[in-house]
C-alpha atoms as a PDB file:
ATOM      1  CA  LEU A   1      19.680  -4.870 -47.621  1.00  0.00           C
ATOM      2  CA  GLU A   2      21.292  -5.181 -44.213  1.00  0.00           C
ATOM      3  CA  LEU A   3      19.501  -8.465 -43.569  1.00  0.00           C
ATOM      4  CA  ARG A   4      20.526  -9.883 -46.953  1.00  0.00           C
ATOM      5  CA  SER A   5      24.123  -8.854 -46.311  1.00  0.00           C
ATOM      6  CA  MET A   6      24.105 -10.520 -42.878  1.00  0.00           C
ATOM      7  CA  ILE A   7      22.559 -13.774 -44.237  1.00  0.00           C
ATOM      8  CA  SER A   8      25.136 -13.854 -47.029  1.00  0.00           C
ATOM      9  CA  LYS A   9      27.944 -13.412 -44.493  1.00  0.00           C
ATOM     10  CA  VAL A  10      26.576 -16.168 -42.247  1.00  0.00           C
ATOM     11  CA  LYS A  11      26.285 -18.524 -45.250  1.00  0.00           C
ATOM     12  CA  GLU A  12      29.925 -18.001 -46.134  1.00  0.00           C
ATOM     13  CA  GLN A  13      31.457 -18.010 -42.637  1.00  0.00           C
ATOM     14  CA  ASN A  14      28.913 -20.259 -40.861  1.00  0.00           C
ATOM     15  CA  ILE A  15      29.064 -18.074 -37.742  1.00  0.00           C
ATOM     16  CA  SER A  16      26.431 -15.945 -36.046  1.00  0.00           C
ATOM     17  CA  SER A  17      26.139 -12.284 -37.015  1.00  0.00           C
ATOM     18  CA  SER A  18      24.609  -9.420 -35.066  1.00  0.00           C
ATOM     19  CA  LYS A  19      23.999  -5.781 -35.960  1.00  0.00           C
ATOM     20  CA  ASP A  20      22.246  -2.971 -34.136  1.00  0.00           C
ATOM     21  CA  GLY A  21      20.666   0.247 -35.344  1.00  0.00           C
ATOM     22  CA  ILE A  22      18.952  -1.160 -38.438  1.00  0.00           C
ATOM     23  CA  GLU A  23      16.035   0.969 -39.620  1.00  0.00           C
ATOM     24  CA  MET A  24      12.891  -0.753 -40.794  1.00  0.00           C
ATOM     25  CA  GLU A  25       9.690   0.561 -42.334  1.00  0.00           C
ATOM     26  CA  GLY A  26       7.800   2.899 -40.051  1.00  0.00           C
ATOM     27  CA  ASP A  27      11.048   4.406 -38.740  1.00  0.00           C
ATOM     28  CA  VAL A  28      11.542   1.453 -36.401  1.00  0.00           C
ATOM     29  CA  ILE A  29      15.093   0.840 -35.239  1.00  0.00           C
ATOM     30  CA  VAL A  30      15.901  -2.789 -34.389  1.00  0.00           C
ATOM     31  CA  LYS A  31      18.759  -5.098 -33.566  1.00  0.00           C
ATOM     32  CA  VAL A  32      19.038  -8.130 -35.881  1.00  0.00           C
ATOM     33  CA  ASP A  33      20.732 -11.479 -35.061  1.00  0.00           C
ATOM     34  CA  VAL A  34      21.254 -14.192 -37.699  1.00  0.00           C
ATOM     35  CA  ILE A  35      22.169 -17.629 -36.265  1.00  0.00           C
ATOM     36  CA  PRO A  36      23.011 -20.676 -38.455  1.00  0.00           C
ATOM     37  CA  LEU A  37      21.251 -23.944 -37.560  1.00  0.00           C
ATOM     38  CA  ASN A  38      22.063 -27.470 -38.739  1.00  0.00           C
ATOM     39  CA  THR A  39      19.242 -29.982 -38.310  1.00  0.00           C
ATOM     40  CA  ASN A  40      19.348 -33.548 -39.697  1.00  0.00           C
ATOM     41  CA  GLY A  41      21.802 -32.539 -42.388  1.00  0.00           C
ATOM     42  CA  SER A  42      19.703 -29.532 -43.475  1.00  0.00           C
ATOM     43  CA  ARG A  43      20.864 -25.948 -43.072  1.00  0.00           C
ATOM     44  CA  TYR A  44      18.595 -23.229 -41.643  1.00  0.00           C
ATOM     45  CA  PHE A  45      18.998 -19.668 -40.393  1.00  0.00           C
ATOM     46  CA  LEU A  46      17.305 -18.205 -37.318  1.00  0.00           C
ATOM     47  CA  VAL A  47      16.664 -14.450 -37.695  1.00  0.00           C
ATOM     48  CA  LEU A  48      15.856 -12.526 -34.502  1.00  0.00           C
ATOM     49  CA  PHE A  49      14.541  -8.931 -34.427  1.00  0.00           C
ATOM     50  CA  GLU A  50      14.870  -6.985 -31.157  1.00  0.00           C
ATOM     51  CA  SER A  51      13.295  -3.546 -30.738  1.00  0.00           C
ATOM     52  CA  SER A  52      15.730  -0.783 -29.879  1.00  0.00           C
ATOM     53  CA  PRO A  53      14.863   1.787 -27.154  1.00  0.00           C
ATOM     54  CA  GLN A  54      15.955   4.557 -29.527  1.00  0.00           C
ATOM     55  CA  GLN A  55      13.609   3.535 -32.337  1.00  0.00           C
ATOM     56  CA  TYR A  56      11.780   6.873 -32.419  1.00  0.00           C
ATOM     57  CA  LEU A  57      14.690   9.205 -31.983  1.00  0.00           C
ATOM     58  CA  LEU A  58      15.220   9.842 -35.676  1.00  0.00           C
ATOM     59  CA  ALA A  59      11.586  10.530 -36.651  1.00  0.00           C
ATOM     60  CA  PRO A  60       8.824  10.802 -34.065  1.00  0.00           C
ATOM     61  CA  ALA A  61       5.668   9.015 -35.143  1.00  0.00           C
ATOM     62  CA  HIS A  62       2.320  10.702 -35.848  1.00  0.00           C
ATOM     63  CA  THR A  63       3.716  14.243 -36.039  1.00  0.00           C
ATOM     64  CA  ASP A  64       1.368  16.841 -37.411  1.00  0.00           C
ATOM     65  CA  GLN A  65       3.315  18.486 -40.239  1.00  0.00           C
ATOM     66  CA  ARG A  66       0.929  21.458 -40.389  1.00  0.00           C
ATOM     67  CA  ALA A  67       1.673  22.296 -36.769  1.00  0.00           C
ATOM     68  CA  THR A  68       5.440  21.910 -37.157  1.00  0.00           C
ATOM     69  CA  PRO A  69       7.228  25.189 -36.803  1.00  0.00           C
ATOM     70  CA  PRO A  70       9.957  26.133 -39.288  1.00  0.00           C
ATOM     71  CA  LYS A  71      12.638  25.204 -36.820  1.00  0.00           C
ATOM     72  CA  ASP A  72      11.096  21.773 -36.386  1.00  0.00           C
ATOM     73  CA  ALA A  73      10.775  21.425 -40.190  1.00  0.00           C
ATOM     74  CA  ALA A  74      14.471  22.074 -40.570  1.00  0.00           C
ATOM     75  CA  ALA A  75      15.181  19.507 -37.897  1.00  0.00           C
ATOM     76  CA  SER A  76      12.896  17.042 -39.654  1.00  0.00           C
ATOM     77  CA  ARG A  77      14.768  17.577 -42.887  1.00  0.00           C
ATOM     78  CA  ASP A  78      18.043  16.981 -41.089  1.00  0.00           C
ATOM     79  CA  VAL A  79      16.643  13.780 -39.635  1.00  0.00           C
ATOM     80  CA  GLU A  80      15.408  12.674 -43.047  1.00  0.00           C
ATOM     81  CA  MET A  81      18.796  13.521 -44.559  1.00  0.00           C
ATOM     82  CA  ALA A  82      20.514  11.502 -41.835  1.00  0.00           C
ATOM     83  CA  SER A  83      18.154   8.610 -42.496  1.00  0.00           C
ATOM     84  CA  LEU A  84      18.881   8.721 -46.220  1.00  0.00           C
ATOM     85  CA  THR A  85      22.597   8.924 -45.526  1.00  0.00           C
ATOM     86  CA  HIS A  86      22.302   5.924 -43.242  1.00  0.00           C
ATOM     87  CA  GLN A  87      20.373   3.959 -45.891  1.00  0.00           C
ATOM     88  CA  LEU A  88      22.968   4.902 -48.507  1.00  0.00           C
ATOM     89  CA  ALA A  89      25.737   3.658 -46.247  1.00  0.00           C
ATOM     90  CA  GLN A  90      23.815   0.422 -45.736  1.00  0.00           C
ATOM     91  CA  THR A  91      23.357   0.050 -49.473  1.00  0.00           C
ATOM     92  CA  LYS A  92      27.067   0.658 -50.084  1.00  0.00           C
ATOM     93  CA  GLU A  93      27.934  -1.932 -47.440  1.00  0.00           C
ATOM     94  CA  TYR A  94      25.580  -4.460 -48.992  1.00  0.00           C
ATOM     95  CA  LEU A  95      26.966  -3.789 -52.468  1.00  0.00           C
ATOM     96  CA  ARG A  96      30.505  -4.136 -51.145  1.00  0.00           C
ATOM     97  CA  THR A  97      29.565  -7.492 -49.640  1.00  0.00           C
ATOM     98  CA  ILE A  98      28.001  -8.599 -52.937  1.00  0.00           C
ATOM     99  CA  ILE A  99      31.097  -7.502 -54.871  1.00  0.00           C
ATOM    100  CA  GLU A 100      33.422  -9.332 -52.490  1.00  0.00           C
ATOM    101  CA  SER A 101      31.241 -12.444 -52.730  1.00  0.00           C
ATOM    102  CA  GLN A 102      31.212 -12.168 -56.524  1.00  0.00           C
ATOM    103  CA  GLU A 103      34.971 -11.755 -56.629  1.00  0.00           C
ATOM    104  CA  ALA A 104      35.377 -14.796 -54.384  1.00  0.00           C
ATOM    105  CA  ASN A 105      33.037 -16.760 -56.644  1.00  0.00           C
ATOM    106  CA  ASN A 106      34.959 -15.600 -59.710  1.00  0.00           C
ATOM    107  CA  GLN A 107      38.211 -16.692 -58.081  1.00  0.00           C
ATOM    108  CA  ASP A 108      36.705 -20.078 -57.244  1.00  0.00           C
ATOM    109  CA  LEU A 109      35.458 -20.394 -60.821  1.00  0.00           C
ATOM    110  CA  LYS A 110      38.896 -19.487 -62.126  1.00  0.00           C
ATOM    111  CA  VAL A 111      40.531 -22.126 -59.922  1.00  0.00           C
ATOM    112  CA  ALA A 112      37.883 -24.663 -60.950  1.00  0.00           C
ATOM    113  CA  GLY A 113      38.477 -23.767 -64.604  1.00  0.00           C
ATOM    114  CA  GLU A 114      42.222 -24.290 -64.218  1.00  0.00           C
ATOM    115  CA  GLU A 115      41.623 -27.623 -62.471  1.00  0.00           C
ATOM    116  CA  LEU A 116      39.210 -28.620 -65.227  1.00  0.00           C
ATOM    117  CA  LEU A 117      41.764 -27.657 -67.884  1.00  0.00           C
ATOM    118  CA  SER A 118      44.422 -29.670 -66.072  1.00  0.00           C
ATOM    119  CA  SER A 119      42.021 -32.624 -65.809  1.00  0.00           C
ATOM    120  CA  ASN A 120      41.257 -32.365 -69.518  1.00  0.00           C
ATOM    121  CA  GLU A 121      44.980 -32.417 -70.316  1.00  0.00           C
ATOM    122  CA  GLU A 122      45.450 -35.452 -68.083  1.00  0.00           C
ATOM    123  CA  LEU A 123      42.488 -37.170 -69.731  1.00  0.00           C
ATOM    124  CA  GLN A 124      43.879 -36.371 -73.161  1.00  0.00           C
ATOM    125  CA  SER A 125      47.251 -37.797 -72.143  1.00  0.00           C
ATOM    126  CA  ALA A 126      45.542 -40.887 -70.714  1.00  0.00           C
ATOM    127  CA  ASN A 127      43.558 -41.298 -73.942  1.00  0.00           C
ATOM    128  CA  GLU A 128      46.754 -41.112 -75.960  1.00  0.00           C
ATOM    129  CA  GLU A 129      48.367 -43.723 -73.707  1.00  0.00           C
ATOM    130  CA  LEU A 130      45.284 -45.935 -74.044  1.00  0.00           C
ATOM    131  CA  GLU A 131      45.386 -45.535 -77.809  1.00  0.00           C
ATOM    132  CA  THR A 132      49.062 -46.529 -77.825  1.00  0.00           C
ATOM    133  CA  ALA A 133      48.321 -49.492 -75.552  1.00  0.00           C
ATOM    134  CA  LYS A 134      45.441 -50.457 -77.846  1.00  0.00           C
ATOM    135  CA  GLU A 135      47.751 -50.451 -80.859  1.00  0.00           C
ATOM    136  CA  GLU A 136      50.322 -52.517 -78.958  1.00  0.00           C
ATOM    137  CA  ILE A 137      47.656 -54.999 -77.884  1.00  0.00           C
ATOM    138  CA  GLN A 138      46.403 -55.218 -81.455  1.00  0.00           C
ATOM    139  CA  ALA A 139      49.944 -55.903 -82.706  1.00  0.00           C
ATOM    140  CA  THR A 140      50.406 -58.501 -79.953  1.00  0.00           C
ATOM    141  CA  ASN A 141      47.108 -60.151 -80.889  1.00  0.00           C
ATOM    142  CA  GLU A 142      48.233 -60.342 -84.510  1.00  0.00           C
ATOM    143  CA  GLU A 143      51.523 -61.938 -83.420  1.00  0.00           C
ATOM    144  CA  LEU A 144      49.644 -64.377 -81.191  1.00  0.00           C
ATOM    145  CA  SER A 145      47.311 -65.208 -84.075  1.00  0.00           C
ATOM    146  CA  THR A 146      50.325 -65.945 -86.275  1.00  0.00           C
ATOM    147  CA  ILE A 147      51.905 -68.065 -83.538  1.00  0.00           C
ATOM    148  CA  ASN A 148      48.627 -69.927 -83.019  1.00  0.00           C
ATOM    149  CA  ASP A 149      48.454 -70.663 -86.729  1.00  0.00           C
ATOM    150  CA  GLU A 150      52.024 -71.963 -86.665  1.00  0.00           C
ATOM    151  CA  LEU A 151      51.281 -74.062 -83.568  1.00  0.00           C
ATOM    152  CA  ARG A 152      48.150 -75.434 -85.191  1.00  0.00           C
ATOM    153  CA  ILE A 153      50.116 -76.419 -88.277  1.00  0.00           C
ATOM    154  CA  GLY A 154      52.818 -77.943 -86.064  1.00  0.00           C
ATOM    155  CA  ASN A 155      50.208 -79.851 -84.072  1.00  0.00           C
ATOM    156  CA  ASP A 156      48.649 -81.168 -87.261  1.00  0.00           C
ATOM    157  CA  GLN A 157      52.038 -82.323 -88.489  1.00  0.00           C
ATOM    158  CA  LEU A 158      52.842 -83.868 -85.108  1.00  0.00           C
ATOM    159  CA  HIS A 159      49.475 -85.624 -85.101  1.00  0.00           C
ATOM    160  CA  GLU A 160      50.176 -86.956 -88.572  1.00  0.00           C
ATOM    161  CA  VAL A 161      53.657 -88.175 -87.563  1.00  0.00           C
ATOM    162  CA  ASN A 162      52.197 -89.797 -84.455  1.00  0.00           C
ATOM    163  CA  ASN A 163      49.615 -91.593 -86.558  1.00  0.00           C
ATOM    164  CA  ASP A 164      52.351 -92.759 -88.936  1.00  0.00           C
ATOM    165  CA  MET A 165      54.415 -94.015 -85.998  1.00  0.00           C
ATOM    166  CA  GLN A 166      51.447 -95.859 -84.482  1.00  0.00           C
ATOM    167  CA  ASN A 167      50.651 -97.534 -87.787  1.00  0.00           C
ATOM    168  CA  LEU A 168      54.292 -98.394 -88.375  1.00  0.00           C
ATOM    169  CA  LEU A 169      54.712 -99.982 -84.955  1.00  0.00           C
ATOM    170  CA  SER A 170      51.446-101.880 -85.332  1.00  0.00           C
ATOM    171  CA  SER A 171      52.479-103.216 -88.723  1.00  0.00           C
ATOM    172  CA  VAL A 172      55.982-104.366 -87.746  1.00  0.00           C
ATOM    173  CA  ASN A 173      55.968-108.064 -86.951  1.00  0.00           C
ATOM    174  CA  ILE A 174      59.061-107.760 -84.773  1.00  0.00           C
ATOM    175  CA  PRO A 175      59.259-107.178 -80.999  1.00  0.00           C
ATOM    176  CA  ILE A 176      60.612-103.613 -80.611  1.00  0.00           C
ATOM    177  CA  LEU A 177      60.843-101.704 -77.345  1.00  0.00           C
ATOM    178  CA  MET A 178      61.806 -98.013 -76.987  1.00  0.00           C
ATOM    179  CA  LEU A 179      63.104 -96.743 -73.640  1.00  0.00           C
ATOM    180  CA  SER A 180      63.916 -93.208 -72.482  1.00  0.00           C
ATOM    181  CA  GLY A 181      67.252 -92.056 -71.091  1.00  0.00           C
ATOM    182  CA  ASP A 182      66.224 -93.109 -67.571  1.00  0.00           C
ATOM    183  CA  LEU A 183      65.047 -96.482 -68.931  1.00  0.00           C
ATOM    184  CA  ARG A 184      61.334 -95.779 -68.785  1.00  0.00           C
ATOM    185  CA  ILE A 185      59.068 -97.445 -71.318  1.00  0.00           C
ATOM    186  CA  ARG A 186      58.250 -95.065 -74.187  1.00  0.00           C
ATOM    187  CA  ARG A 187      56.759 -97.229 -76.980  1.00  0.00           C
ATOM    188  CA  PHE A 188      56.587-100.868 -78.016  1.00  0.00           C
ATOM    189  CA  THR A 189      55.155-102.954 -80.829  1.00  0.00           C
ATOM    190  CA  PRO A 190      52.351-105.486 -80.296  1.00  0.00           C
ATOM    191  CA  MET A 191      54.862-108.342 -80.719  1.00  0.00           C
ATOM    192  CA  ALA A 192      56.910-106.923 -77.808  1.00  0.00           C
ATOM    193  CA  GLU A 193      54.025-107.369 -75.380  1.00  0.00           C
ATOM    194  CA  GLN A 194      54.590-111.121 -75.088  1.00  0.00           C
ATOM    195  CA  ALA A 195      58.384-111.049 -75.323  1.00  0.00           C
ATOM    196  CA  PHE A 196      58.820-108.416 -72.614  1.00  0.00           C
ATOM    197  CA  ASN A 197      55.600-109.182 -70.687  1.00  0.00           C
ATOM    198  CA  LEU A 198      54.074-105.714 -71.313  1.00  0.00           C
ATOM    199  CA  ILE A 199      50.601-104.186 -71.338  1.00  0.00           C
ATOM    200  CA  ALA A 200      49.394-100.842 -72.702  1.00  0.00           C
ATOM    201  CA  SER A 201      49.355 -99.180 -69.243  1.00  0.00           C
ATOM    202  CA  ASP A 202      53.080 -99.904 -68.779  1.00  0.00           C
ATOM    203  CA  VAL A 203      54.009 -96.846 -70.877  1.00  0.00           C
ATOM    204  CA  GLY A 204      55.948 -94.483 -68.602  1.00  0.00           C
ATOM    205  CA  ARG A 205      56.903 -97.150 -66.051  1.00  0.00           C
ATOM    206  CA  PRO A 206      60.584 -97.946 -65.332  1.00  0.00           C
ATOM    207  CA  PHE A 207      61.763-101.053 -67.169  1.00  0.00           C
ATOM    208  CA  SER A 208      63.194-102.327 -63.876  1.00  0.00           C
ATOM    209  CA  GLN A 209      59.619-102.861 -62.614  1.00  0.00           C
ATOM    210  CA  ILE A 210      58.783-105.171 -65.536  1.00  0.00           C
ATOM    211  CA  LYS A 211      59.458-108.872 -65.148  1.00  0.00           C
ATOM    212  CA  ASN A 212      60.364-109.671 -68.760  1.00  0.00           C
ATOM    213  CA  ASN A 213      60.438-113.157 -70.302  1.00  0.00           C
ATOM    214  CA  LEU A 214      64.062-113.026 -71.514  1.00  0.00           C
ATOM    215  CA  ASP A 215      66.774-115.039 -69.818  1.00  0.00           C
ATOM    216  CA  VAL A 216      69.162-112.051 -69.686  1.00  0.00           C
ATOM    217  CA  PRO A 217      69.740-111.026 -66.041  1.00  0.00           C
ATOM    218  CA  ASN A 218      72.001-108.067 -66.898  1.00  0.00           C
ATOM    219  CA  ILE A 219      69.824-106.557 -69.624  1.00  0.00           C
ATOM    220  CA  GLN A 220      69.524-103.185 -67.830  1.00  0.00           C
ATOM    221  CA  THR A 221      73.294-102.991 -67.470  1.00  0.00           C
ATOM    222  CA  LEU A 222      73.613-103.637 -71.196  1.00  0.00           C
ATOM    223  CA  MET A 223      71.137-100.846 -71.958  1.00  0.00           C
ATOM    224  CA  THR A 224      72.999 -98.365 -69.733  1.00  0.00           C
ATOM    225  CA  SER A 225      76.301 -99.330 -71.359  1.00  0.00           C
ATOM    226  CA  VAL A 226      74.901 -98.655 -74.847  1.00  0.00           C
ATOM    227  CA  ILE A 227      73.694 -95.185 -73.710  1.00  0.00           C
ATOM    228  CA  ASP A 228      77.091 -94.364 -72.202  1.00  0.00           C
ATOM    229  CA  THR A 229      79.331 -95.768 -74.944  1.00  0.00           C
ATOM    230  CA  LEU A 230      77.006 -95.321 -77.973  1.00  0.00           C
ATOM    231  CA  ILE A 231      78.159 -98.784 -79.107  1.00  0.00           C
ATOM    232  CA  PRO A 232      75.298-101.042 -80.280  1.00  0.00           C
ATOM    233  CA  TYR A 233      74.991-104.418 -78.590  1.00  0.00           C
ATOM    234  CA  GLU A 234      73.938-107.700 -80.215  1.00  0.00           C
ATOM    235  CA  GLN A 235      73.694-111.190 -78.702  1.00  0.00           C
ATOM    236  CA  ASN A 236      71.788-114.481 -79.105  1.00  0.00           C
ATOM    237  CA  VAL A 237      69.473-114.971 -76.129  1.00  0.00           C
ATOM    238  CA  GLN A 238      66.696-117.300 -74.976  1.00  0.00           C
ATOM    239  CA  ASP A 239      63.398-116.628 -73.268  1.00  0.00           C
ATOM    240  CA  HIS A 240      62.003-118.637 -70.381  1.00  0.00           C
ATOM    241  CA  ASP A 241      60.312-121.011 -72.856  1.00  0.00           C
ATOM    242  CA  GLY A 242      63.679-121.831 -74.444  1.00  0.00           C
ATOM    243  CA  ASP A 243      63.025-119.993 -77.728  1.00  0.00           C
ATOM    244  CA  TRP A 244      66.005-118.244 -79.369  1.00  0.00           C
ATOM    245  CA  TYR A 245      66.241-114.559 -80.390  1.00  0.00           C
ATOM    246  CA  ILE A 246      68.877-112.122 -81.514  1.00  0.00           C
ATOM    247  CA  LEU A 247      68.822-109.281 -78.938  1.00  0.00           C
ATOM    248  CA  LYS A 248      69.791-105.928 -80.492  1.00  0.00           C
ATOM    249  CA  ILE A 249      70.220-102.789 -78.354  1.00  0.00           C
ATOM    250  CA  ARG A 250      70.932 -99.511 -80.148  1.00  0.00           C
ATOM    251  CA  PRO A 251      71.089 -95.913 -78.913  1.00  0.00           C
ATOM    252  CA  TYR A 252      67.974 -93.789 -79.467  1.00  0.00           C
ATOM    253  CA  ARG A 253      68.948 -90.616 -81.381  1.00  0.00           C
ATOM    254  CA  THR A 254      66.765 -87.530 -81.644  1.00  0.00           C
ATOM    255  CA  THR A 255      66.493 -85.323 -84.743  1.00  0.00           C
ATOM    256  CA  ASP A 256      69.079 -82.924 -83.248  1.00  0.00           C
ATOM    257  CA  ASN A 257      71.493 -85.871 -82.744  1.00  0.00           C
ATOM    258  CA  ARG A 258      71.020 -86.277 -79.004  1.00  0.00           C
ATOM    259  CA  ILE A 259      71.021 -89.658 -77.267  1.00  0.00           C
ATOM    260  CA  ASP A 260      67.777 -90.052 -75.346  1.00  0.00           C
ATOM    261  CA  GLY A 261      67.444 -93.732 -74.546  1.00  0.00           C
ATOM    262  CA  VAL A 262      67.739 -97.066 -76.358  1.00  0.00           C
ATOM    263  CA  VAL A 263      65.836 -99.144 -78.909  1.00  0.00           C
ATOM    264  CA  VAL A 264      65.616-102.868 -78.101  1.00  0.00           C
ATOM    265  CA  GLY A 265      64.723-105.347 -80.817  1.00  0.00           C
ATOM    266  CA  LEU A 266      64.282-109.101 -80.933  1.00  0.00           C
ATOM    267  CA  ILE A 267      64.668-111.229 -84.092  1.00  0.00           C
ATOM    268  CA  ASP A 268      63.211-114.709 -83.907  1.00  0.00           C
ATOM    269  CA  ILE A 269      65.953-117.266 -84.815  1.00  0.00           C
ATOM    270  CA  ASN A 270      64.467-120.157 -82.887  1.00  0.00           C
ATOM    271  CA  LEU A 271      64.068-122.471 -85.921  1.00  0.00           C
ATOM    272  CA  LEU A 272      67.502-121.610 -87.338  1.00  0.00           C
ATOM    273  CA  GLN A 273      69.224-122.034 -83.993  1.00  0.00           C
ATOM    274  CA  ARG A 274      67.623-125.375 -83.333  1.00  0.00           C
ATOM    275  CA  LYS A 275      68.643-126.631 -86.784  1.00  0.00           C
ATOM    276  CA  THR A 276      72.170-125.475 -86.089  1.00  0.00           C
ATOM    277  CA  ILE A 277      72.236-127.288 -82.764  1.00  0.00           C
ATOM    278  CA  GLU A 278      70.933-130.456 -84.424  1.00  0.00           C
ATOM    279  CA  LEU A 279      73.592-130.267 -87.114  1.00  0.00           C
ATOM    280  CA  GLU A 280      76.326-129.695 -84.548  1.00  0.00           C
ATOM    281  CA  ALA A 281      75.087-132.693 -82.588  1.00  0.00           C
END
């Protein structure tokens, strides 16, 4: 019991323990040392037994009981009683150590139980927050799905309007040029390609970089004036080949009534103008 108590103490405190006067079988009194050892991450205990010089004081070995006088018998009983008392004290000490260890373990278990309960409460709170976040995400996904449907419908309508515009511009047999507010080329009809000297890749380029075929040096100034004053402009002009056109410049209005550029159109009056000149001559 003494040895178990010492090993238990060394396990808990991780320090060496030593005790003298421990009785073993055969009435041998020894000194016991328990030393903790740590080797390669493993834990061991070195137990040393050292014989005590007083090992035979309590009960001499090989005593002939038949030859023991009554006085010696009484002494032997006293020694035996002392030995039993000593063993009882050792047992009480061991039990006290076990009880203290058990109480410490119970306290640790209680603390661990409280920590576990606190962790469970935190997990429950986190689960509730996750559930709330899940519901919010689900609601957001539904809103996004609705918005995506609306955008898809809007894109379909925009695609349809764009197709209508492309077909309309392709079908118009009149040179028409649309410019943005900063006079960049936005759209033009096929007939405008020759009149303004345009190609398909010119969309997005500034009109100032295009060398058009019209004999109107101040055409950009006229466009800017129409944007600023919102007053349409109309004038008879000629191209470099001498053909006559009516040049019309009107402000480009958006659906929300904003001015965002100009629309330039040319009407071929070459035959009519030449007839007029001939008649005037």
